[in-house]
């Protein structure tokens, strides 16, 4: 739309802002795509399998020139690419989890470095599971203690690859994302399956902390980092973490399932394995205590729309 200045003269249209979503066809990516489209952005998606019927531009990871062209003058690049960790931790899957993150991050960084007009901001996904198993106190960006094990090694390598690029004209921010709750994807449908199979009691001791974030707050946090010109590492988790026991109780209440068999070790080792199989993941993801606090976002003034688990679950499940 043509606008007028204070003298009533016509001014040229403001160029449409552009966001490039790498790995944008997944659960989080689809939500961010719609969110930014509603803000008036052009959305370009980089994906392994472009859909020729898509109404939005989609570029293959093999299209190096296409990626370079898309990145020129972009306001924002968000990299969500990587094989889901909600899978069995076989040797093959572990290799894919590593390689899918490191290769895509490297490809984006190299392409941005060659840009004549590079993106203003590059946000790269990371994971809140980088911290140790914590039931004693919350993990912040400043004081959180890095853990050990496969998932932690993935997170460390991912962030090292990302921050290994020094891009003077592009701000960089890494999101240590906790378990994302939302419709049509993420962890919630898997946990609902457990509840509906009658296995919606606690997993393990039930005392492990469950850090979570509503999908709407993921999108608005990305927008806030862009708008406030922030950089660095950000824990993306609701400020009110709960125990596994509290989470399962709240979920059973919301889906009107009063009872659930606990998957507690060592008595229910087989049931725990069964439960992990039902939701298609490793038992590590059920038992690790993630107690993550979004100190950096809160200190910068970000306000979570859904800080409370009960309200978040009701908003999501009442619309299904």
C-alpha atoms as a PDB file:
ATOM      1  CA  UNK A   1       0.000   0.000   0.000  1.00  0.00           C
ATOM      2  CA  UNK A   2       1.312   3.461  -0.927  1.00  0.00           C
ATOM      3  CA  UNK A   3       1.736   5.858   1.983  1.00  0.00           C
ATOM      4  CA  UNK A   4       1.960   9.648   2.209  1.00  0.00           C
ATOM      5  CA  UNK A   5       4.457  11.812   4.040  1.00  0.00           C
ATOM      6  CA  UNK A   6       3.635  14.858   6.195  1.00  0.00           C
ATOM      7  CA  UNK A   7       3.366  17.036   3.078  1.00  0.00           C
ATOM      8  CA  UNK A   8       0.833  14.684   1.509  1.00  0.00           C
ATOM      9  CA  UNK A   9       3.282  13.411  -1.092  1.00  0.00           C
ATOM     10  CA  UNK A  10       3.194   9.768  -2.011  1.00  0.00           C
ATOM     11  CA  UNK A  11       6.087   7.673  -0.718  1.00  0.00           C
ATOM     12  CA  UNK A  12       7.189   4.324  -2.101  1.00  0.00           C
ATOM     13  CA  UNK A  13       5.931   1.164  -0.435  1.00  0.00           C
ATOM     14  CA  UNK A  14       7.977  -0.133   2.480  1.00  0.00           C
ATOM     15  CA  UNK A  15       9.740  -3.342   1.385  1.00  0.00           C
ATOM     16  CA  UNK A  16       8.223  -6.469   2.902  1.00  0.00           C
ATOM     17  CA  UNK A  17      10.360  -7.954   5.657  1.00  0.00           C
ATOM     18  CA  UNK A  18      11.615 -11.474   5.079  1.00  0.00           C
ATOM     19  CA  UNK A  19      12.174 -14.388   7.452  1.00  0.00           C
ATOM     20  CA  UNK A  20      13.969 -17.577   6.442  1.00  0.00           C
ATOM     21  CA  UNK A  21      12.877 -20.676   8.368  1.00  0.00           C
ATOM     22  CA  UNK A  22      15.338 -23.550   8.169  1.00  0.00           C
ATOM     23  CA  UNK A  23      13.605 -26.796   9.041  1.00  0.00           C
ATOM     24  CA  UNK A  24      10.361 -24.882   8.919  1.00  0.00           C
ATOM     25  CA  UNK A  25       7.996 -27.733   8.060  1.00  0.00           C
ATOM     26  CA  UNK A  26       7.896 -29.225  11.557  1.00  0.00           C
ATOM     27  CA  UNK A  27       5.628 -28.506  14.502  1.00  0.00           C
ATOM     28  CA  UNK A  28       7.419 -25.375  15.719  1.00  0.00           C
ATOM     29  CA  UNK A  29       8.280 -24.170  12.228  1.00  0.00           C
ATOM     30  CA  UNK A  30       4.684 -24.287  11.010  1.00  0.00           C
ATOM     31  CA  UNK A  31       3.547 -22.241  13.987  1.00  0.00           C
ATOM     32  CA  UNK A  32       6.274 -19.631  13.490  1.00  0.00           C
ATOM     33  CA  UNK A  33       5.455 -19.456   9.790  1.00  0.00           C
ATOM     34  CA  UNK A  34       1.829 -18.554  10.489  1.00  0.00           C
ATOM     35  CA  UNK A  35       2.845 -16.179  13.280  1.00  0.00           C
ATOM     36  CA  UNK A  36       5.182 -14.179  11.048  1.00  0.00           C
ATOM     37  CA  UNK A  37       2.824 -14.238   8.098  1.00  0.00           C
ATOM     38  CA  UNK A  38       0.247 -12.559  10.316  1.00  0.00           C
ATOM     39  CA  UNK A  39       2.864  -9.899  11.050  1.00  0.00           C
ATOM     40  CA  UNK A  40       3.193  -9.274   7.309  1.00  0.00           C
ATOM     41  CA  UNK A  41       6.541 -10.999   6.732  1.00  0.00           C
ATOM     42  CA  UNK A  42       7.433 -12.978   3.653  1.00  0.00           C
ATOM     43  CA  UNK A  43       8.323 -16.486   4.834  1.00  0.00           C
ATOM     44  CA  UNK A  44      10.825 -18.675   2.972  1.00  0.00           C
ATOM     45  CA  UNK A  45      11.360 -22.246   4.144  1.00  0.00           C
ATOM     46  CA  UNK A  46      14.465 -24.403   3.766  1.00  0.00           C
ATOM     47  CA  UNK A  47      13.600 -28.085   3.951  1.00  0.00           C
ATOM     48  CA  UNK A  48      14.859 -31.505   2.919  1.00  0.00           C
ATOM     49  CA  UNK A  49      11.801 -32.156   0.772  1.00  0.00           C
ATOM     50  CA  UNK A  50      10.278 -29.009  -0.752  1.00  0.00           C
ATOM     51  CA  UNK A  51       6.580 -29.304  -1.494  1.00  0.00           C
ATOM     52  CA  UNK A  52       5.879 -28.122  -5.059  1.00  0.00           C
ATOM     53  CA  UNK A  53       2.271 -27.424  -4.041  1.00  0.00           C
ATOM     54  CA  UNK A  54       3.268 -25.099  -1.203  1.00  0.00           C
ATOM     55  CA  UNK A  55       1.944 -21.549  -1.445  1.00  0.00           C
ATOM     56  CA  UNK A  56       5.103 -20.276   0.260  1.00  0.00           C
ATOM     57  CA  UNK A  57       8.606 -20.492  -1.254  1.00  0.00           C
ATOM     58  CA  UNK A  58      10.440 -23.651  -0.220  1.00  0.00           C
ATOM     59  CA  UNK A  59      14.117 -24.325  -0.915  1.00  0.00           C
ATOM     60  CA  UNK A  60      16.009 -27.590  -0.738  1.00  0.00           C
ATOM     61  CA  UNK A  61      19.082 -27.871   1.471  1.00  0.00           C
ATOM     62  CA  UNK A  62      20.884 -28.978  -1.711  1.00  0.00           C
ATOM     63  CA  UNK A  63      20.092 -25.668  -3.452  1.00  0.00           C
ATOM     64  CA  UNK A  64      23.117 -23.650  -2.339  1.00  0.00           C
ATOM     65  CA  UNK A  65      22.451 -20.714  -4.653  1.00  0.00           C
ATOM     66  CA  UNK A  66      18.784 -20.621  -3.668  1.00  0.00           C
ATOM     67  CA  UNK A  67      19.682 -20.502   0.024  1.00  0.00           C
ATOM     68  CA  UNK A  68      22.195 -17.702  -0.586  1.00  0.00           C
ATOM     69  CA  UNK A  69      19.604 -15.675  -2.501  1.00  0.00           C
ATOM     70  CA  UNK A  70      16.979 -16.172   0.226  1.00  0.00           C
ATOM     71  CA  UNK A  71      19.349 -15.012   2.973  1.00  0.00           C
ATOM     72  CA  UNK A  72      20.199 -11.724   1.273  1.00  0.00           C
ATOM     73  CA  UNK A  73      18.479  -8.822   3.078  1.00  0.00           C
ATOM     74  CA  UNK A  74      16.545 -11.148   5.385  1.00  0.00           C
ATOM     75  CA  UNK A  75      15.408  -9.600   8.639  1.00  0.00           C
ATOM     76  CA  UNK A  76      15.670 -12.914  10.436  1.00  0.00           C
ATOM     77  CA  UNK A  77      16.851 -16.506  10.013  1.00  0.00           C
ATOM     78  CA  UNK A  78      15.553 -19.163  12.396  1.00  0.00           C
ATOM     79  CA  UNK A  79      17.203 -22.580  12.243  1.00  0.00           C
ATOM     80  CA  UNK A  80      15.064 -25.388  13.640  1.00  0.00           C
ATOM     81  CA  UNK A  81      16.545 -28.131  11.464  1.00  0.00           C
ATOM     82  CA  UNK A  82      17.447 -31.446  13.012  1.00  0.00           C
ATOM     83  CA  UNK A  83      16.103 -34.960  13.398  1.00  0.00           C
ATOM     84  CA  UNK A  84      13.666 -35.167  16.298  1.00  0.00           C
ATOM     85  CA  UNK A  85      15.070 -36.576  19.532  1.00  0.00           C
ATOM     86  CA  UNK A  86      11.680 -38.203  20.133  1.00  0.00           C
ATOM     87  CA  UNK A  87      12.921 -41.487  18.720  1.00  0.00           C
ATOM     88  CA  UNK A  88      14.662 -44.668  19.787  1.00  0.00           C
ATOM     89  CA  UNK A  89      18.320 -43.975  20.478  1.00  0.00           C
ATOM     90  CA  UNK A  90      19.714 -46.517  18.029  1.00  0.00           C
ATOM     91  CA  UNK A  91      23.205 -46.030  16.616  1.00  0.00           C
ATOM     92  CA  UNK A  92      21.727 -44.887  13.306  1.00  0.00           C
ATOM     93  CA  UNK A  93      19.356 -42.399  14.901  1.00  0.00           C
ATOM     94  CA  UNK A  94      22.113 -40.982  17.094  1.00  0.00           C
ATOM     95  CA  UNK A  95      24.252 -40.331  14.022  1.00  0.00           C
ATOM     96  CA  UNK A  96      21.338 -38.582  12.305  1.00  0.00           C
ATOM     97  CA  UNK A  97      20.586 -36.461  15.371  1.00  0.00           C
ATOM     98  CA  UNK A  98      24.179 -35.211  15.395  1.00  0.00           C
ATOM     99  CA  UNK A  99      24.728 -34.767  11.672  1.00  0.00           C
ATOM    100  CA  UNK A 100      21.377 -33.144  10.910  1.00  0.00           C
ATOM    101  CA  UNK A 101      22.119 -30.357  13.381  1.00  0.00           C
ATOM    102  CA  UNK A 102      25.767 -29.742  12.665  1.00  0.00           C
ATOM    103  CA  UNK A 103      25.556 -29.871   8.863  1.00  0.00           C
ATOM    104  CA  UNK A 104      22.594 -27.511   8.578  1.00  0.00           C
ATOM    105  CA  UNK A 105      24.090 -25.038  11.043  1.00  0.00           C
ATOM    106  CA  UNK A 106      27.375 -25.070   9.130  1.00  0.00           C
ATOM    107  CA  UNK A 107      25.616 -24.591   5.802  1.00  0.00           C
ATOM    108  CA  UNK A 108      23.683 -21.581   7.067  1.00  0.00           C
ATOM    109  CA  UNK A 109      26.716 -20.005   8.704  1.00  0.00           C
ATOM    110  CA  UNK A 110      28.822 -20.371   5.569  1.00  0.00           C
ATOM    111  CA  UNK A 111      26.043 -18.922   3.418  1.00  0.00           C
ATOM    112  CA  UNK A 112      25.510 -15.949   5.744  1.00  0.00           C
ATOM    113  CA  UNK A 113      29.248 -15.245   5.751  1.00  0.00           C
ATOM    114  CA  UNK A 114      29.136 -14.903   1.952  1.00  0.00           C
ATOM    115  CA  UNK A 115      26.139 -12.556   1.891  1.00  0.00           C
ATOM    116  CA  UNK A 116      26.604  -9.016   0.611  1.00  0.00           C
ATOM    117  CA  UNK A 117      23.606  -7.948   2.713  1.00  0.00           C
ATOM    118  CA  UNK A 118      23.457 -10.577   5.458  1.00  0.00           C
ATOM    119  CA  UNK A 119      20.471 -11.204   7.736  1.00  0.00           C
ATOM    120  CA  UNK A 120      20.141  -8.888  10.714  1.00  0.00           C
ATOM    121  CA  UNK A 121      19.589 -11.796  13.115  1.00  0.00           C
ATOM    122  CA  UNK A 122      20.312 -15.521  13.145  1.00  0.00           C
ATOM    123  CA  UNK A 123      18.488 -17.544  15.794  1.00  0.00           C
ATOM    124  CA  UNK A 124      19.594 -21.150  16.169  1.00  0.00           C
ATOM    125  CA  UNK A 125      17.711 -23.777  18.083  1.00  0.00           C
ATOM    126  CA  UNK A 126      19.439 -25.568  20.940  1.00  0.00           C
ATOM    127  CA  UNK A 127      18.043 -27.622  23.794  1.00  0.00           C
ATOM    128  CA  UNK A 128      17.427 -27.205  27.511  1.00  0.00           C
ATOM    129  CA  UNK A 129      18.618 -30.766  28.020  1.00  0.00           C
ATOM    130  CA  UNK A 130      22.166 -29.386  27.894  1.00  0.00           C
ATOM    131  CA  UNK A 131      21.944 -28.972  31.680  1.00  0.00           C
ATOM    132  CA  UNK A 132      22.518 -31.753  34.171  1.00  0.00           C
ATOM    133  CA  UNK A 133      19.777 -33.790  35.809  1.00  0.00           C
ATOM    134  CA  UNK A 134      18.621 -31.299  38.447  1.00  0.00           C
ATOM    135  CA  UNK A 135      16.190 -31.822  41.289  1.00  0.00           C
ATOM    136  CA  UNK A 136      17.989 -29.520  43.732  1.00  0.00           C
ATOM    137  CA  UNK A 137      17.777 -26.124  42.033  1.00  0.00           C
ATOM    138  CA  UNK A 138      16.932 -24.449  38.744  1.00  0.00           C
ATOM    139  CA  UNK A 139      19.406 -23.979  35.913  1.00  0.00           C
ATOM    140  CA  UNK A 140      19.903 -20.462  34.543  1.00  0.00           C
ATOM    141  CA  UNK A 141      22.023 -19.328  31.611  1.00  0.00           C
ATOM    142  CA  UNK A 142      24.580 -17.818  34.014  1.00  0.00           C
ATOM    143  CA  UNK A 143      24.718 -20.482  36.715  1.00  0.00           C
ATOM    144  CA  UNK A 144      23.378 -23.631  35.082  1.00  0.00           C
ATOM    145  CA  UNK A 145      25.636 -26.686  35.181  1.00  0.00           C
ATOM    146  CA  UNK A 146      26.227 -28.544  31.942  1.00  0.00           C
ATOM    147  CA  UNK A 147      25.444 -32.241  32.190  1.00  0.00           C
ATOM    148  CA  UNK A 148      26.843 -35.405  30.591  1.00  0.00           C
ATOM    149  CA  UNK A 149      25.539 -38.011  28.189  1.00  0.00           C
ATOM    150  CA  UNK A 150      24.440 -38.244  24.584  1.00  0.00           C
ATOM    151  CA  UNK A 151      21.856 -35.443  24.565  1.00  0.00           C
ATOM    152  CA  UNK A 152      24.254 -33.070  26.288  1.00  0.00           C
ATOM    153  CA  UNK A 153      27.034 -33.822  23.806  1.00  0.00           C
ATOM    154  CA  UNK A 154      24.639 -33.049  20.952  1.00  0.00           C
ATOM    155  CA  UNK A 155      23.699 -29.723  22.510  1.00  0.00           C
ATOM    156  CA  UNK A 156      27.317 -28.735  23.194  1.00  0.00           C
ATOM    157  CA  UNK A 157      28.422 -29.545  19.652  1.00  0.00           C
ATOM    158  CA  UNK A 158      25.422 -27.717  18.217  1.00  0.00           C
ATOM    159  CA  UNK A 159      26.112 -24.507  20.119  1.00  0.00           C
ATOM    160  CA  UNK A 160      29.845 -24.722  19.406  1.00  0.00           C
ATOM    161  CA  UNK A 161      29.118 -24.962  15.679  1.00  0.00           C
ATOM    162  CA  UNK A 162      26.721 -22.023  15.852  1.00  0.00           C
ATOM    163  CA  UNK A 163      28.873 -19.648  17.876  1.00  0.00           C
ATOM    164  CA  UNK A 164      31.939 -20.727  15.916  1.00  0.00           C
ATOM    165  CA  UNK A 165      30.809 -18.312  13.211  1.00  0.00           C
ATOM    166  CA  UNK A 166      31.828 -14.685  13.707  1.00  0.00           C
ATOM    167  CA  UNK A 167      29.423 -12.571  11.678  1.00  0.00           C
ATOM    168  CA  UNK A 168      29.910  -8.858  12.379  1.00  0.00           C
ATOM    169  CA  UNK A 169      26.707  -7.782  10.641  1.00  0.00           C
ATOM    170  CA  UNK A 170      24.470 -10.551  11.975  1.00  0.00           C
ATOM    171  CA  UNK A 171      23.385 -10.849  15.593  1.00  0.00           C
ATOM    172  CA  UNK A 172      23.279 -14.405  16.942  1.00  0.00           C
ATOM    173  CA  UNK A 173      21.023 -15.958  19.582  1.00  0.00           C
ATOM    174  CA  UNK A 174      20.740 -19.593  20.679  1.00  0.00           C
ATOM    175  CA  UNK A 175      17.489 -20.872  22.180  1.00  0.00           C
ATOM    176  CA  UNK A 176      17.798 -23.639  24.758  1.00  0.00           C
ATOM    177  CA  UNK A 177      14.264 -24.851  24.183  1.00  0.00           C
ATOM    178  CA  UNK A 178      12.494 -26.961  26.785  1.00  0.00           C
ATOM    179  CA  UNK A 179       9.616 -29.352  26.054  1.00  0.00           C
ATOM    180  CA  UNK A 180       7.211 -27.486  23.772  1.00  0.00           C
ATOM    181  CA  UNK A 181       3.480 -27.889  24.350  1.00  0.00           C
ATOM    182  CA  UNK A 182       0.976 -27.129  21.633  1.00  0.00           C
ATOM    183  CA  UNK A 183      -1.627 -28.504  19.271  1.00  0.00           C
ATOM    184  CA  UNK A 184      -0.862 -30.889  16.440  1.00  0.00           C
ATOM    185  CA  UNK A 185       2.658 -31.830  17.449  1.00  0.00           C
ATOM    186  CA  UNK A 186       5.426 -31.664  19.980  1.00  0.00           C
ATOM    187  CA  UNK A 187       5.484 -33.695  23.177  1.00  0.00           C
ATOM    188  CA  UNK A 188       1.873 -33.282  24.292  1.00  0.00           C
ATOM    189  CA  UNK A 189       0.193 -35.786  21.926  1.00  0.00           C
ATOM    190  CA  UNK A 190       2.694 -38.430  23.040  1.00  0.00           C
ATOM    191  CA  UNK A 191       1.973 -37.851  26.716  1.00  0.00           C
ATOM    192  CA  UNK A 192      -1.767 -37.906  25.976  1.00  0.00           C
ATOM    193  CA  UNK A 193      -1.318 -41.350  24.446  1.00  0.00           C
ATOM    194  CA  UNK A 194       0.256 -42.551  27.682  1.00  0.00           C
ATOM    195  CA  UNK A 195      -2.707 -41.234  29.642  1.00  0.00           C
ATOM    196  CA  UNK A 196      -5.253 -42.826  27.313  1.00  0.00           C
ATOM    197  CA  UNK A 197      -3.441 -46.169  27.482  1.00  0.00           C
ATOM    198  CA  UNK A 198      -3.873 -46.007  31.247  1.00  0.00           C
ATOM    199  CA  UNK A 199      -0.163 -45.334  31.817  1.00  0.00           C
ATOM    200  CA  UNK A 200      -0.589 -41.730  32.907  1.00  0.00           C
ATOM    201  CA  UNK A 201       0.919 -42.076  36.352  1.00  0.00           C
ATOM    202  CA  UNK A 202       4.373 -40.810  37.242  1.00  0.00           C
ATOM    203  CA  UNK A 203       7.449 -41.901  35.323  1.00  0.00           C
ATOM    204  CA  UNK A 204      10.350 -42.942  37.527  1.00  0.00           C
ATOM    205  CA  UNK A 205      10.167 -41.309  40.939  1.00  0.00           C
ATOM    206  CA  UNK A 206       7.894 -38.542  39.713  1.00  0.00           C
ATOM    207  CA  UNK A 207      10.136 -36.023  41.458  1.00  0.00           C
ATOM    208  CA  UNK A 208      12.089 -35.102  38.328  1.00  0.00           C
ATOM    209  CA  UNK A 209      11.394 -31.553  37.164  1.00  0.00           C
ATOM    210  CA  UNK A 210       9.491 -30.950  33.955  1.00  0.00           C
ATOM    211  CA  UNK A 211      10.389 -27.699  32.202  1.00  0.00           C
ATOM    212  CA  UNK A 212       7.974 -26.812  29.431  1.00  0.00           C
ATOM    213  CA  UNK A 213       6.938 -23.884  27.244  1.00  0.00           C
ATOM    214  CA  UNK A 214       3.772 -23.090  25.295  1.00  0.00           C
ATOM    215  CA  UNK A 215       4.280 -22.895  21.525  1.00  0.00           C
ATOM    216  CA  UNK A 216       2.826 -19.366  21.509  1.00  0.00           C
ATOM    217  CA  UNK A 217       5.601 -18.219  23.846  1.00  0.00           C
ATOM    218  CA  UNK A 218       8.229 -19.759  21.570  1.00  0.00           C
ATOM    219  CA  UNK A 219       7.063 -17.578  18.689  1.00  0.00           C
ATOM    220  CA  UNK A 220       6.658 -14.425  20.761  1.00  0.00           C
ATOM    221  CA  UNK A 221      10.102 -14.907  22.369  1.00  0.00           C
ATOM    222  CA  UNK A 222      11.684 -15.105  18.907  1.00  0.00           C
ATOM    223  CA  UNK A 223       9.869 -11.918  17.956  1.00  0.00           C
ATOM    224  CA  UNK A 224      10.997 -10.249  21.194  1.00  0.00           C
ATOM    225  CA  UNK A 225      14.649 -11.140  20.602  1.00  0.00           C
ATOM    226  CA  UNK A 226      14.350  -9.694  17.111  1.00  0.00           C
ATOM    227  CA  UNK A 227      12.560  -6.533  18.185  1.00  0.00           C
ATOM    228  CA  UNK A 228      14.810  -5.819  21.186  1.00  0.00           C
ATOM    229  CA  UNK A 229      17.993  -6.631  19.237  1.00  0.00           C
ATOM    230  CA  UNK A 230      19.162  -9.203  21.788  1.00  0.00           C
ATOM    231  CA  UNK A 231      22.063 -11.634  21.468  1.00  0.00           C
ATOM    232  CA  UNK A 232      23.460 -14.594  23.372  1.00  0.00           C
ATOM    233  CA  UNK A 233      21.958 -17.705  24.946  1.00  0.00           C
ATOM    234  CA  UNK A 234      18.360 -17.847  26.148  1.00  0.00           C
ATOM    235  CA  UNK A 235      16.578 -20.556  28.109  1.00  0.00           C
ATOM    236  CA  UNK A 236      13.171 -20.889  26.492  1.00  0.00           C
ATOM    237  CA  UNK A 237      11.049 -22.394  29.254  1.00  0.00           C
ATOM    238  CA  UNK A 238       8.065 -21.165  31.220  1.00  0.00           C
ATOM    239  CA  UNK A 239       9.197 -19.694  34.555  1.00  0.00           C
ATOM    240  CA  UNK A 240       7.000 -22.144  36.504  1.00  0.00           C
ATOM    241  CA  UNK A 241       8.504 -25.609  36.113  1.00  0.00           C
ATOM    242  CA  UNK A 242       6.631 -28.526  37.706  1.00  0.00           C
ATOM    243  CA  UNK A 243       7.507 -32.033  38.806  1.00  0.00           C
ATOM    244  CA  UNK A 244       6.700 -34.986  36.596  1.00  0.00           C
ATOM    245  CA  UNK A 245       4.056 -35.953  39.167  1.00  0.00           C
ATOM    246  CA  UNK A 246       2.413 -32.526  38.911  1.00  0.00           C
ATOM    247  CA  UNK A 247       2.529 -32.557  35.130  1.00  0.00           C
ATOM    248  CA  UNK A 248       0.908 -35.975  34.804  1.00  0.00           C
ATOM    249  CA  UNK A 249      -1.749 -35.078  37.383  1.00  0.00           C
ATOM    250  CA  UNK A 250      -2.607 -31.866  35.519  1.00  0.00           C
ATOM    251  CA  UNK A 251      -2.747 -33.702  32.186  1.00  0.00           C
ATOM    252  CA  UNK A 252      -4.972 -36.477  33.564  1.00  0.00           C
ATOM    253  CA  UNK A 253      -7.273 -33.846  35.002  1.00  0.00           C
ATOM    254  CA  UNK A 254      -7.530 -31.979  31.715  1.00  0.00           C
ATOM    255  CA  UNK A 255      -8.345 -35.114  29.681  1.00  0.00           C
ATOM    256  CA  UNK A 256     -10.696 -36.417  32.393  1.00  0.00           C
ATOM    257  CA  UNK A 257      -8.675 -39.551  33.177  1.00  0.00           C
ATOM    258  CA  UNK A 258      -8.608 -39.827  36.988  1.00  0.00           C
ATOM    259  CA  UNK A 259      -6.176 -42.755  37.301  1.00  0.00           C
ATOM    260  CA  UNK A 260      -2.922 -43.776  35.665  1.00  0.00           C
ATOM    261  CA  UNK A 261      -0.507 -46.651  36.259  1.00  0.00           C
ATOM    262  CA  UNK A 262       2.888 -45.333  37.382  1.00  0.00           C
ATOM    263  CA  UNK A 263       5.949 -46.266  35.357  1.00  0.00           C
ATOM    264  CA  UNK A 264       8.253 -46.415  38.356  1.00  0.00           C
ATOM    265  CA  UNK A 265      11.647 -48.084  38.547  1.00  0.00           C
ATOM    266  CA  UNK A 266      12.706 -50.718  39.414  1.00  0.00           C
ATOM    267  CA  UNK A 267       9.314 -52.406  39.889  1.00  0.00           C
ATOM    268  CA  UNK A 268       7.915 -51.253  36.542  1.00  0.00           C
ATOM    269  CA  UNK A 269      10.990 -51.377  34.316  1.00  0.00           C
ATOM    270  CA  UNK A 270       9.082 -53.232  31.616  1.00  0.00           C
ATOM    271  CA  UNK A 271       6.174 -50.796  31.812  1.00  0.00           C
ATOM    272  CA  UNK A 272       8.570 -47.870  31.539  1.00  0.00           C
ATOM    273  CA  UNK A 273      10.068 -49.408  28.423  1.00  0.00           C
ATOM    274  CA  UNK A 274       6.539 -49.966  27.102  1.00  0.00           C
ATOM    275  CA  UNK A 275       5.601 -46.374  27.846  1.00  0.00           C
ATOM    276  CA  UNK A 276       8.652 -45.074  26.027  1.00  0.00           C
ATOM    277  CA  UNK A 277       7.717 -47.296  23.094  1.00  0.00           C
ATOM    278  CA  UNK A 278       4.158 -45.944  23.026  1.00  0.00           C
ATOM    279  CA  UNK A 279       5.382 -42.389  22.671  1.00  0.00           C
ATOM    280  CA  UNK A 280       8.236 -43.403  20.368  1.00  0.00           C
ATOM    281  CA  UNK A 281      11.130 -42.111  22.415  1.00  0.00           C
ATOM    282  CA  UNK A 282      13.938 -43.041  24.774  1.00  0.00           C
ATOM    283  CA  UNK A 283      13.216 -43.528  28.477  1.00  0.00           C
ATOM    284  CA  UNK A 284      15.926 -40.880  29.079  1.00  0.00           C
ATOM    285  CA  UNK A 285      13.472 -38.243  27.875  1.00  0.00           C
ATOM    286  CA  UNK A 286      10.933 -39.405  30.440  1.00  0.00           C
ATOM    287  CA  UNK A 287      13.287 -39.659  33.416  1.00  0.00           C
ATOM    288  CA  UNK A 288      15.702 -36.748  33.112  1.00  0.00           C
ATOM    289  CA  UNK A 289      14.990 -33.873  35.477  1.00  0.00           C
ATOM    290  CA  UNK A 290      14.996 -30.611  33.538  1.00  0.00           C
ATOM    291  CA  UNK A 291      14.705 -27.612  35.826  1.00  0.00           C
ATOM    292  CA  UNK A 292      15.316 -24.675  33.537  1.00  0.00           C
ATOM    293  CA  UNK A 293      14.664 -21.021  34.341  1.00  0.00           C
ATOM    294  CA  UNK A 294      14.474 -18.280  31.643  1.00  0.00           C
ATOM    295  CA  UNK A 295      16.506 -15.718  33.546  1.00  0.00           C
ATOM    296  CA  UNK A 296      17.887 -13.861  30.523  1.00  0.00           C
ATOM    297  CA  UNK A 297      14.500 -13.383  28.846  1.00  0.00           C
ATOM    298  CA  UNK A 298      12.865 -12.239  32.069  1.00  0.00           C
ATOM    299  CA  UNK A 299      15.692  -9.810  32.837  1.00  0.00           C
ATOM    300  CA  UNK A 300      15.249  -8.316  29.359  1.00  0.00           C
ATOM    301  CA  UNK A 301      11.574  -7.707  30.043  1.00  0.00           C
ATOM    302  CA  UNK A 302       9.917 -10.582  28.194  1.00  0.00           C
ATOM    303  CA  UNK A 303       6.479 -11.540  29.556  1.00  0.00           C
ATOM    304  CA  UNK A 304       5.249 -15.095  29.103  1.00  0.00           C
ATOM    305  CA  UNK A 305       1.664 -15.396  27.932  1.00  0.00           C
ATOM    306  CA  UNK A 306       1.413 -18.857  29.513  1.00  0.00           C
ATOM    307  CA  UNK A 307       3.572 -19.081  32.658  1.00  0.00           C
ATOM    308  CA  UNK A 308       1.176 -21.522  34.362  1.00  0.00           C
ATOM    309  CA  UNK A 309       0.918 -25.172  33.290  1.00  0.00           C
ATOM    310  CA  UNK A 310      -2.762 -25.653  34.086  1.00  0.00           C
ATOM    311  CA  UNK A 311      -3.752 -22.630  32.004  1.00  0.00           C
ATOM    312  CA  UNK A 312      -1.470 -23.711  29.149  1.00  0.00           C
ATOM    313  CA  UNK A 313      -2.898 -27.245  29.047  1.00  0.00           C
ATOM    314  CA  UNK A 314      -6.462 -25.961  29.175  1.00  0.00           C
ATOM    315  CA  UNK A 315      -5.844 -23.511  26.334  1.00  0.00           C
ATOM    316  CA  UNK A 316      -4.333 -26.218  24.149  1.00  0.00           C
ATOM    317  CA  UNK A 317      -6.595 -29.158  24.901  1.00  0.00           C
ATOM    318  CA  UNK A 318      -9.880 -27.248  25.033  1.00  0.00           C
ATOM    319  CA  UNK A 319      -9.375 -26.291  21.376  1.00  0.00           C
ATOM    320  CA  UNK A 320      -8.860 -29.859  20.157  1.00  0.00           C
END
